[in-house]
Amino acid sequence: MSIFTGSGTALVTPFTADGKGVNFDALEKIIDFQLNGCTDALIITGTTGEASTMTSKEKLDTLGCAIDRVKGKIPVIAGTGNNNTAQSIENSLEAQKMGADGVLIVTPYYNKATQEGLIAHYTAIAEAIDIPVIVYNVPSRTGLNIAPATMARLGEHKNIRGIKEASGNIAQIVNVARSCRNMDLYSGNDDQVVPILSVGGKGVISVVSNVAPKLTHDMVMAFLEGDTKKAMELQYAAADLSDALFCEVNPIPVKAAMAMMGFEVGPVRLPLTPLSQGAVPKVEGALKRAGLI
């Protein structure tokens, strides 16, 4: 059984105006916007959620708020991975205890593990918990790529059930799809959703869906229901938004975009900095073309 099918939003974390805390009132409104926009899953405290600059308590409180607000309507998946296997296990156990439906585990960064080390890392986490694990491959951020053969071996574990593929390497992704048919494959790039669906993907873990949840959901569902023409048109629209929302490092542009739409998202935390003035027209233009402002 799939963890989810469709569009999973890699949700931003709204901070207070001074950036020193989480704005939970704003988070609830953002979650309601996602639910009303037909989002199929929420991914909490991932890269887009700025987990790397949040305290352990903030991450748990944010996850708890999301679980309480969603009330079981859609899966809530917690980003619990880092480059410390023991800490990743502890984080994942806490998420399971709080009621998360799964965990997203990023490839360990900085340590530069071998492929055997990756297998040992993910296996240790999967053995420690009962909820499903989604492996997150994003070599542009971690400096480490999970080889398709490694992914296939990971898929042999009953608790490693999904892959978020953000390598951008379509040839590799096709190879992963071919060799990991017992795992759910999700696009980790908003401009490659339909191509990945075409080789058996189940959906996307999306940044664009923060601002356009219905568009992203409809794109996936159109393809899965056989309307490839509509899916392609929505992919083009999503690609325009994606181009703007990645004009600077994520989540700088998407938080700026959400502020333009009237959401109280607060600042990004250092070492991230606000969207540059030169990039503002690009983000505004994409939102206007999409009818979002």
Protein backbone atom coordinates (compact mmCIF):
# COMPACT_ATOMS: atom_id res chain seq x y z
CA MET A 1 0.00 0.00 0.00
CA SER A 2 1.35 3.41 -0.99
CA ILE A 3 2.24 5.95 1.69
CA PHE A 4 0.38 8.46 -0.47
CA THR A 5 -0.46 9.02 -4.12
CA GLY A 6 -0.53 12.51 -5.56
CA SER A 7 0.99 15.73 -4.30
CA GLY A 8 2.78 15.91 -0.97
CA THR A 9 3.69 19.43 0.09
CA ALA A 10 7.13 20.02 1.56
CA LEU A 11 5.68 22.59 3.92
CA VAL A 12 7.34 25.84 4.94
CA THR A 13 7.65 26.56 8.65
CA PRO A 14 6.23 29.99 9.51
CA PHE A 15 8.35 31.78 12.08
CA THR A 16 7.41 34.68 14.30
CA ALA A 17 8.27 38.16 13.02
CA ASP A 18 11.54 38.18 14.96
CA GLY A 19 12.40 34.70 13.69
CA LYS A 20 12.88 33.34 17.20
CA GLY A 21 9.91 31.02 17.37
CA VAL A 22 7.32 29.12 15.31
CA ASN A 23 4.09 30.96 14.51
CA PHE A 24 1.61 28.19 15.19
CA ASP A 25 -1.48 30.27 14.37
CA ALA A 26 0.00 30.94 10.93
CA LEU A 27 0.94 27.27 10.56
CA GLU A 28 -2.66 26.21 11.13
CA LYS A 29 -3.86 28.63 8.43
CA ILE A 30 -1.24 27.32 6.01
CA ILE A 31 -2.29 23.74 6.73
CA ASP A 32 -5.96 24.66 6.15
CA PHE A 33 -4.97 26.19 2.80
CA GLN A 34 -3.29 22.91 1.88
CA LEU A 35 -6.27 20.81 2.91
CA ASN A 36 -8.65 23.05 0.98
CA GLY A 37 -6.32 22.75 -2.02
CA CYS A 38 -6.60 18.94 -2.09
CA THR A 39 -3.01 18.25 -1.08
CA ASP A 40 -2.53 14.51 -0.59
CA ALA A 41 0.15 14.57 2.15
CA LEU A 42 2.15 17.02 4.23
CA ILE A 43 5.88 16.73 4.77
CA ILE A 44 6.83 18.60 7.95
CA THR A 45 10.29 19.88 8.97
CA GLY A 46 12.04 18.97 5.77
CA THR A 47 14.42 21.15 3.77
CA THR A 48 11.68 23.62 2.84
CA GLY A 49 10.64 23.71 6.48
CA GLU A 50 14.13 24.88 7.51
CA ALA A 51 14.59 21.94 9.85
CA SER A 52 18.35 22.44 9.93
CA THR A 53 17.93 25.70 11.87
CA MET A 54 15.14 24.53 14.18
CA THR A 55 15.56 23.20 17.70
CA SER A 56 14.44 19.67 18.52
CA LYS A 57 11.52 21.07 20.51
CA GLU A 58 10.45 23.33 17.65
CA LYS A 59 10.45 20.42 15.25
CA LEU A 60 8.38 18.21 17.54
CA ASP A 61 5.94 21.02 18.33
CA THR A 62 5.56 21.78 14.62
CA LEU A 63 4.90 18.13 13.84
CA GLY A 64 2.40 17.94 16.70
CA CYS A 65 0.57 21.02 15.47
CA ALA A 66 0.31 19.54 11.98
CA ILE A 67 -0.96 16.17 13.20
CA ASP A 68 -3.56 17.85 15.40
CA ARG A 69 -4.74 20.15 12.61
CA VAL A 70 -4.89 17.50 9.89
CA LYS A 71 -6.90 15.14 12.10
CA GLY A 72 -6.04 12.10 9.99
CA LYS A 73 -7.45 13.52 6.73
CA ILE A 74 -4.13 13.03 4.90
CA PRO A 75 -0.79 11.50 5.86
CA VAL A 76 1.67 13.64 7.81
CA ILE A 77 5.30 12.70 7.12
CA ALA A 78 8.12 14.00 9.32
CA GLY A 79 11.56 14.95 8.07
CA THR A 80 13.72 13.27 10.69
CA GLY A 81 17.00 12.49 8.97
CA ASN A 82 20.42 14.05 9.35
CA ASN A 83 24.05 12.94 9.11
CA ASN A 84 24.01 11.26 12.53
CA THR A 85 22.40 7.83 12.40
CA ALA A 86 21.71 7.66 16.14
CA GLN A 87 20.08 11.08 16.11
CA SER A 88 18.02 10.17 13.05
CA ILE A 89 16.75 7.11 14.91
CA GLU A 90 15.88 9.17 17.97
CA ASN A 91 14.07 11.76 15.84
CA SER A 92 12.17 9.05 13.98
CA LEU A 93 11.09 7.31 17.17
CA GLU A 94 9.77 10.62 18.52
CA ALA A 95 7.86 11.23 15.28
CA GLN A 96 6.36 7.75 15.45
CA LYS A 97 5.34 8.31 19.06
CA MET A 98 3.60 11.55 18.11
CA GLY A 99 1.57 9.86 15.37
CA ALA A 100 3.45 10.61 12.15
CA ASP A 101 2.45 8.41 9.23
CA GLY A 102 5.99 8.07 7.93
CA VAL A 103 9.43 9.65 7.95
CA LEU A 104 11.52 11.28 5.23
CA ILE A 105 15.22 10.53 5.67
CA VAL A 106 17.70 12.65 3.76
CA THR A 107 20.97 11.12 2.64
CA PRO A 108 23.66 11.79 5.26
CA TYR A 109 25.62 14.90 4.37
CA TYR A 110 29.21 15.98 5.07
CA ASN A 111 30.29 12.54 6.34
CA LYS A 112 30.27 11.25 2.74
CA ALA A 113 29.30 7.67 3.53
CA THR A 114 30.04 4.84 1.12
CA GLN A 115 27.16 3.06 -0.58
CA GLU A 116 27.52 0.32 2.03
CA GLY A 117 27.37 3.00 4.69
CA LEU A 118 24.12 4.30 3.20
CA ILE A 119 22.61 0.81 3.35
CA ALA A 120 23.68 0.46 6.99
CA HIS A 121 22.36 3.94 7.85
CA TYR A 122 18.90 3.46 6.34
CA THR A 123 18.60 -0.10 7.56
CA ALA A 124 19.33 0.94 11.14
CA ILE A 125 16.61 3.57 11.02
CA ALA A 126 14.09 1.27 9.34
CA GLU A 127 14.76 -1.46 11.92
CA ALA A 128 14.17 0.96 14.81
CA ILE A 129 10.68 2.14 13.84
CA ASP A 130 7.39 0.70 12.63
CA ILE A 131 6.24 3.50 10.32
CA PRO A 132 7.45 3.60 6.69
CA VAL A 133 10.66 5.29 5.58
CA ILE A 134 11.00 7.43 2.46
CA VAL A 135 14.59 7.72 1.26
CA TYR A 136 15.46 11.26 0.11
CA ASN A 137 18.16 11.47 -2.54
CA VAL A 138 19.28 15.08 -3.15
CA PRO A 139 22.97 15.08 -4.11
CA SER A 140 23.00 18.82 -4.91
CA ARG A 141 22.58 19.47 -1.18
CA THR A 142 24.28 16.49 0.42
CA GLY A 143 27.20 15.90 -1.94
CA LEU A 144 26.28 12.21 -2.07
CA ASN A 145 24.23 10.27 -4.60
CA ILE A 146 22.41 7.02 -3.88
CA ALA A 147 23.21 4.64 -6.73
CA PRO A 148 20.27 2.75 -8.29
CA ALA A 149 21.78 -0.58 -7.17
CA THR A 150 21.93 0.73 -3.60
CA MET A 151 18.32 1.91 -3.81
CA ALA A 152 17.28 -1.54 -5.01
CA ARG A 153 18.97 -3.15 -2.01
CA LEU A 154 17.28 -0.70 0.34
CA GLY A 155 13.95 -1.62 -1.19
CA GLU A 156 14.38 -5.17 0.03
CA HIS A 157 13.66 -3.94 3.56
CA LYS A 158 9.96 -4.19 4.36
CA ASN A 159 9.93 -0.80 6.08
CA ILE A 160 11.73 1.25 3.41
CA ARG A 161 8.76 2.00 1.20
CA GLY A 162 9.44 5.19 -0.75
CA ILE A 163 11.98 7.25 -2.67
CA LYS A 164 12.06 11.02 -3.08
CA GLU A 165 14.31 11.39 -6.12
CA ALA A 166 15.78 14.88 -6.49
CA SER A 167 18.96 14.03 -8.35
CA GLY A 168 17.57 15.61 -11.52
CA ASN A 169 19.18 12.79 -13.49
CA ILE A 170 16.36 11.33 -15.55
CA ALA A 171 18.46 8.39 -16.77
CA GLN A 172 19.22 7.45 -13.16
CA ILE A 173 15.59 7.91 -12.12
CA VAL A 174 14.40 5.59 -14.90
CA ASN A 175 16.91 3.02 -13.69
CA VAL A 176 15.64 3.41 -10.11
CA ALA A 177 12.03 3.06 -11.27
CA ARG A 178 12.91 -0.11 -13.19
CA SER A 179 14.80 -1.76 -10.35
CA CYS A 180 12.66 -0.60 -7.39
CA ARG A 181 9.14 -1.49 -8.47
CA ASN A 182 8.13 -2.46 -4.95
CA MET A 183 8.82 1.10 -3.70
CA ASP A 184 6.82 4.30 -4.15
CA LEU A 185 8.72 6.76 -6.35
CA TYR A 186 8.14 10.50 -5.86
CA SER A 187 9.60 13.34 -7.85
CA GLY A 188 11.69 15.66 -5.72
CA ASN A 189 11.75 18.30 -8.46
CA ASP A 190 8.65 20.25 -9.44
CA ASP A 191 9.75 20.56 -13.07
CA GLN A 192 10.03 16.78 -13.53
CA VAL A 193 6.76 15.47 -12.12
CA VAL A 194 5.13 14.21 -15.33
CA PRO A 195 8.35 12.61 -16.63
CA ILE A 196 8.69 10.68 -13.37
CA LEU A 197 5.01 9.72 -13.36
CA SER A 198 5.52 8.34 -16.85
CA VAL A 199 7.97 5.71 -15.54
CA GLY A 200 5.75 4.66 -12.65
CA GLY A 201 6.03 7.46 -10.11
CA LYS A 202 3.28 7.87 -7.51
CA GLY A 203 3.49 11.66 -7.24
CA VAL A 204 5.67 14.51 -6.04
CA ILE A 205 7.01 15.94 -2.82
CA SER A 206 6.60 19.53 -3.87
CA VAL A 207 7.73 23.05 -3.07
CA VAL A 208 5.42 24.65 -5.66
CA SER A 209 2.38 23.17 -3.90
CA ASN A 210 3.01 25.55 -1.00
CA VAL A 211 1.56 28.27 -3.23
CA ALA A 212 -0.42 26.17 -5.73
CA PRO A 213 -1.67 23.00 -4.02
CA LYS A 214 -4.65 22.42 -6.33
CA LEU A 215 -2.57 22.82 -9.49
CA THR A 216 0.01 20.32 -8.24
CA HIS A 217 -2.60 17.81 -7.08
CA ASP A 218 -4.53 18.11 -10.35
CA MET A 219 -1.38 17.62 -12.44
CA VAL A 220 -0.62 14.28 -10.80
CA MET A 221 -4.22 13.09 -10.83
CA ALA A 222 -4.74 14.07 -14.47
CA PHE A 223 -1.80 11.91 -15.48
CA LEU A 224 -2.83 8.96 -13.31
CA GLU A 225 -6.36 9.18 -14.73
CA GLY A 226 -5.04 9.08 -18.29
CA ASP A 227 -5.42 12.74 -19.27
CA THR A 228 -1.83 13.27 -20.32
CA LYS A 229 -2.60 16.46 -22.27
CA LYS A 230 -3.99 18.17 -19.17
CA ALA A 231 -1.12 16.85 -17.07
CA MET A 232 1.39 18.28 -19.52
CA GLU A 233 -0.30 21.69 -19.51
CA LEU A 234 -0.25 21.77 -15.72
CA GLN A 235 3.39 20.66 -15.74
CA TYR A 236 4.22 23.67 -17.90
CA ALA A 237 2.40 25.94 -15.45
CA ALA A 238 4.15 24.32 -12.50
CA ALA A 239 7.50 24.66 -14.28
CA ASP A 240 6.98 28.42 -14.60
CA LEU A 241 6.33 28.66 -10.86
CA SER A 242 9.21 26.32 -10.11
CA ASP A 243 11.60 28.45 -12.14
CA ALA A 244 10.66 31.45 -9.99
CA LEU A 245 10.57 29.60 -6.68
CA PHE A 246 14.08 28.27 -7.23
CA CYS A 247 15.62 31.48 -8.52
CA GLU A 248 17.45 31.58 -5.19
CA VAL A 249 18.06 28.76 -2.75
CA ASN A 250 14.92 27.07 -1.39
CA PRO A 251 13.02 28.11 0.74
CA ILE A 252 13.92 31.79 0.30
CA PRO A 253 11.71 32.41 -2.77
CA VAL A 254 8.75 30.30 -1.66
CA LYS A 255 8.52 32.06 1.70
CA ALA A 256 8.69 35.40 -0.11
CA ALA A 257 5.95 34.21 -2.48
CA MET A 258 3.71 33.13 0.38
CA ALA A 259 4.18 36.52 2.03
CA MET A 260 3.11 38.14 -1.25
CA MET A 261 -0.02 35.96 -1.11
CA GLY A 262 -0.81 37.24 2.38
CA PHE A 263 0.47 34.41 4.56
CA GLU A 264 2.38 35.25 7.74
CA VAL A 265 5.43 33.10 7.15
CA GLY A 266 8.00 35.29 8.91
CA PRO A 267 11.65 35.46 7.88
CA VAL A 268 14.03 32.73 6.82
CA ARG A 269 16.64 31.94 9.43
CA LEU A 270 20.33 32.57 9.03
CA PRO A 271 22.41 31.57 7.23
CA LEU A 272 19.57 32.06 4.73
CA THR A 273 18.77 35.68 3.92
CA PRO A 274 15.70 37.44 2.44
CA LEU A 275 14.91 37.31 -1.25
CA SER A 276 17.09 39.80 -3.12
CA GLN A 277 15.35 42.83 -4.57
CA GLY A 278 16.43 41.82 -8.04
CA ALA A 279 14.52 38.53 -7.75
CA VAL A 280 11.28 40.05 -6.44
CA PRO A 281 9.82 40.84 -9.92
CA LYS A 282 10.51 37.26 -11.07
CA VAL A 283 8.58 35.76 -8.16
CA GLU A 284 5.77 38.32 -8.39
CA GLY A 285 5.47 37.77 -12.13
CA ALA A 286 5.12 34.01 -11.80
CA LEU A 287 2.45 34.38 -9.09
CA LYS A 288 0.51 36.85 -11.26
CA ARG A 289 0.66 34.59 -14.32
CA ALA A 290 -0.67 31.75 -12.17
CA GLY A 291 -3.47 33.95 -10.83
CA LEU A 292 -2.24 33.62 -7.26
CA ILE A 293 -1.94 37.37 -6.58
